[in-house]
Structure formats: C-alpha cells, structure tokens
Amino acid sequence: MLKDTDTLIFCPGIRTCGFAEIKMALKNKKCQIIATTIDTKGFKETKKIIEKTELSNRIHIKIEDVTKPLPYNNKYFDYIYARLILHYLTKQELDKTLKEFYRVLKPEGILFIVVRKKDCEVNKHNFEYDSNTKMTTYKFINSDKKSTPIQISRYFHTKNSISDHLKTAGFNIE
C-alpha cells in the first residue's frame, strides 16, 4: 500500500528491529521514516540494526509515547504504519491516539494498522477482562514451556471494534 509519493512515514511501535522500516526505505529512496517506541531495549537493538544498514539518515528512531500528544504538525505524514501497538492501549488511550494519528496524517494519507484479534493466545480459563478499559489481562507462557509466564494486558479486537474506533477518530475505512 506504500506509494512512491509517500515520502514522510510514521511508524509508531517499532519492535521488529526495524525490518519493515528498512524494507520501506529500500523500496522508496526518497522517503524519510520516523520510527518510535517506548521500549528502551527495543530502541537500542533497532538503532544498532539501522546503523548497520547505513539507513540512519533516512530512518530516525525515537523514544516516544503514542498516548501523549505527538510533537508533529497537523497533516504532516503521508503514511502511518502502526503494527502491533494499538492493542496495548486501553479503550480511552486508543481513542486519543487515533485522534492524534488523524491529526498528523495528511488528508490523502493512509493509516495501515495491525492489531491482535479476539481470542489470540489467551488461555480461556485464566484471564481477567476489564469492561471499562476493554483490556484482557492474562499470563502468557512461551512455547518452550520453560520460561516464567509473564502477565500481559491487551485490548483484543474484532473487525467491528477497531473499525468503530477508527471511524470515531475520523478515518474512512477501506
């Protein structure tokens, strides 16, 4: 979905060590990418990888919390790629964040998102659901079964739930 005319790209929630951002930069030699995270460990790992690719002049890694007002002008970005970040936000945080995405995205811009769907990796017998925040909290056990389980909270979505949030923020869904 990325077009040659998409030269300013925002990638909140970078965690896959910048692989998607590297592919975007290689595909479009004119683009500038701002990739953000709140994870300092992920930031350091990604920064090293980006530096090795010699794309640090086009892929800019920043520590930034998407639940806070974004430091970008209105209608700034051509494209926003938010992969596997929005399901970590409560209902209230998600609505504020999507409004900010709408504000910083150009009118003809594209928001591409990937979220966890309902019933993804949750032990159906051992979770708590908060109807106010829409967050499901559960223990995640790694497939090696040797690691200590970690507690995770996520807002699992249906097509309708994420569509409703996007429409509320002002987006058209395609």
Protein backbone atom coordinates (compact mmCIF):
# COMPACT_ATOMS: atom_id res chain seq x y z
CA MET A 1 0.00 0.00 0.00
CA LEU A 2 3.03 2.27 0.23
CA LYS A 3 3.21 4.58 -2.78
CA ASP A 4 6.24 6.30 -4.28
CA THR A 5 4.68 9.63 -3.27
CA ASP A 6 4.68 8.59 0.42
CA THR A 7 7.89 10.34 1.42
CA LEU A 8 7.24 11.04 5.11
CA ILE A 9 6.31 7.92 7.06
CA PHE A 10 5.49 7.46 10.75
CA CYS A 11 5.99 4.02 12.31
CA PRO A 12 4.88 4.04 15.94
CA GLY A 13 5.64 0.95 17.98
CA ILE A 14 8.78 -0.29 16.26
CA ARG A 15 9.70 -3.64 17.80
CA THR A 16 10.69 -5.98 14.99
CA CYS A 17 14.16 -4.43 14.91
CA GLY A 18 13.21 -2.12 12.09
CA PHE A 19 12.83 -4.74 9.37
CA ALA A 20 9.61 -3.24 7.96
CA GLU A 21 11.12 0.24 8.06
CA ILE A 22 14.27 -0.98 6.29
CA LYS A 23 12.14 -2.52 3.53
CA MET A 24 10.19 0.73 3.18
CA ALA A 25 13.40 2.78 2.93
CA LEU A 26 14.88 0.40 0.35
CA LYS A 27 11.67 0.47 -1.71
CA ASN A 28 11.43 4.26 -1.79
CA LYS A 29 14.80 6.04 -1.84
CA LYS A 30 13.09 9.42 -1.24
CA CYS A 31 11.26 8.55 1.98
CA GLN A 32 12.10 9.66 5.50
CA ILE A 33 10.83 7.42 8.30
CA ILE A 34 10.26 8.28 11.94
CA ALA A 35 10.03 5.06 13.96
CA THR A 36 9.13 5.27 17.64
CA THR A 37 8.89 3.06 20.69
CA ILE A 38 8.62 3.32 24.47
CA ASP A 39 10.79 0.21 24.87
CA THR A 40 14.38 1.30 25.60
CA LYS A 41 15.79 -2.19 24.98
CA GLY A 42 13.99 -2.41 21.62
CA PHE A 43 15.17 1.13 20.82
CA LYS A 44 18.83 0.19 21.37
CA GLU A 45 18.57 -3.07 19.38
CA THR A 46 16.80 -1.36 16.50
CA LYS A 47 19.21 1.58 16.45
CA LYS A 48 22.18 -0.82 16.05
CA ILE A 49 20.50 -2.67 13.19
CA ILE A 50 19.53 0.53 11.39
CA GLU A 51 23.08 1.87 11.75
CA LYS A 52 24.47 -1.32 10.17
CA THR A 53 22.19 -0.85 7.15
CA GLU A 54 23.54 2.68 6.66
CA LEU A 55 19.96 3.98 6.54
CA SER A 56 20.12 6.07 9.74
CA ASN A 57 19.99 9.24 7.67
CA ARG A 58 16.50 8.15 6.49
CA ILE A 59 15.17 6.01 9.36
CA HIS A 60 15.05 8.03 12.56
CA ILE A 61 14.47 6.03 15.76
CA LYS A 62 12.95 7.87 18.74
CA ILE A 63 11.61 7.12 22.20
CA GLU A 64 8.03 8.38 22.09
CA ASP A 65 4.76 7.53 23.84
CA VAL A 66 1.82 7.49 21.42
CA THR A 67 -0.63 8.01 24.29
CA LYS A 68 0.72 11.55 24.67
CA PRO A 69 0.20 14.40 22.19
CA LEU A 70 2.52 13.84 19.23
CA PRO A 71 5.17 16.52 18.52
CA TYR A 72 4.32 16.78 14.81
CA ASN A 73 2.44 19.42 12.86
CA ASN A 74 -1.07 18.83 11.57
CA LYS A 75 -1.22 16.92 8.27
CA TYR A 76 2.49 16.08 8.47
CA PHE A 77 2.77 12.41 7.44
CA ASP A 78 1.92 10.73 4.14
CA TYR A 79 1.65 7.26 5.68
CA ILE A 80 1.37 5.77 9.16
CA TYR A 81 2.31 2.13 9.73
CA ALA A 82 1.16 1.03 13.20
CA ARG A 83 1.88 -2.68 13.51
CA LEU A 84 1.01 -4.49 16.74
CA ILE A 85 0.98 -1.46 19.02
CA LEU A 86 -2.64 -0.33 19.31
CA HIS A 87 -3.84 -3.42 21.17
CA TYR A 88 -1.61 -2.43 24.12
CA LEU A 89 -3.73 0.68 24.64
CA THR A 90 -6.86 0.90 26.73
CA LYS A 91 -10.08 1.95 25.01
CA GLN A 92 -9.56 5.50 26.26
CA GLU A 93 -5.88 5.66 25.18
CA LEU A 94 -6.74 4.16 21.80
CA ASP A 95 -9.35 6.82 21.07
CA LYS A 96 -6.91 9.64 21.96
CA THR A 97 -4.07 8.05 19.98
CA LEU A 98 -6.16 7.52 16.85
CA LYS A 99 -7.32 11.16 17.01
CA GLU A 100 -3.65 12.19 17.12
CA PHE A 101 -2.87 9.90 14.17
CA TYR A 102 -5.74 11.50 12.28
CA ARG A 103 -4.41 14.97 13.14
CA VAL A 104 -0.84 14.29 11.91
CA LEU A 105 -1.84 12.33 8.78
CA LYS A 106 -2.36 14.21 5.53
CA PRO A 107 -5.96 14.10 4.23
CA GLU A 108 -4.97 11.78 1.36
CA GLY A 109 -2.66 9.75 3.64
CA ILE A 110 -3.02 6.12 4.62
CA LEU A 111 -3.08 4.62 8.10
CA PHE A 112 -2.13 0.94 7.95
CA ILE A 113 -2.68 -0.93 11.21
CA VAL A 114 -2.32 -4.46 12.50
CA VAL A 115 -3.92 -5.38 15.84
CA ARG A 116 -4.36 -8.60 17.78
CA LYS A 117 -7.72 -10.19 17.24
CA LYS A 118 -10.10 -11.56 19.83
CA ASP A 119 -9.15 -14.99 21.21
CA CYS A 120 -5.50 -14.58 20.26
CA GLU A 121 -3.13 -16.53 22.55
CA VAL A 122 -5.37 -16.24 25.64
CA ASN A 123 -5.92 -19.16 27.97
CA LYS A 124 -9.69 -19.00 28.13
CA HIS A 125 -9.72 -20.20 31.73
CA ASN A 126 -7.22 -17.83 33.26
CA PHE A 127 -7.79 -14.20 32.30
CA GLU A 128 -9.42 -11.04 33.60
CA TYR A 129 -11.43 -8.68 31.45
CA ASP A 130 -12.00 -5.02 32.34
CA SER A 131 -15.15 -3.78 30.60
CA ASN A 132 -14.22 -0.12 31.21
CA THR A 133 -10.79 -0.25 29.53
CA LYS A 134 -11.58 -3.29 27.29
CA MET A 135 -8.27 -4.82 28.40
CA THR A 136 -7.82 -8.55 28.83
CA THR A 137 -5.07 -9.47 31.30
CA TYR A 138 -3.61 -12.95 31.20
CA LYS A 139 -0.45 -14.95 31.72
CA PHE A 140 1.49 -15.73 28.58
CA ILE A 141 3.52 -18.92 28.57
CA ASN A 142 6.24 -19.13 25.97
CA SER A 143 6.12 -22.12 23.63
CA ASP A 144 9.29 -23.54 25.21
CA LYS A 145 7.23 -24.09 28.41
CA LYS A 146 10.43 -23.40 30.43
CA SER A 147 10.24 -19.64 30.67
CA THR A 148 8.45 -17.96 33.54
CA PRO A 149 4.96 -16.88 32.46
CA ILE A 150 4.56 -13.14 32.04
CA GLN A 151 1.42 -11.12 32.63
CA ILE A 152 0.17 -9.24 29.58
CA SER A 153 -2.73 -6.85 29.10
CA ARG A 154 -4.17 -6.28 25.64
CA TYR A 155 -7.29 -4.94 24.01
CA PHE A 156 -8.23 -7.71 21.60
CA HIS A 157 -10.25 -6.52 18.63
CA THR A 158 -12.88 -7.67 16.24
CA LYS A 159 -13.12 -6.08 12.82
CA ASN A 160 -16.07 -4.04 14.14
CA SER A 161 -14.36 -2.87 17.35
CA ILE A 162 -11.27 -1.47 15.61
CA SER A 163 -13.41 -0.05 12.79
CA ASP A 164 -15.60 1.78 15.33
CA HIS A 165 -12.55 3.37 16.97
CA LEU A 166 -11.15 4.41 13.59
CA LYS A 167 -14.45 5.94 12.48
CA THR A 168 -14.78 7.82 15.78
CA ALA A 169 -11.33 9.35 15.16
CA GLY A 170 -12.42 10.48 11.68
CA PHE A 171 -10.89 7.81 9.43
CA ASN A 172 -12.57 6.27 6.38
CA ILE A 173 -12.18 2.50 6.26
CA GLU A 174 -11.21 0.73 3.05
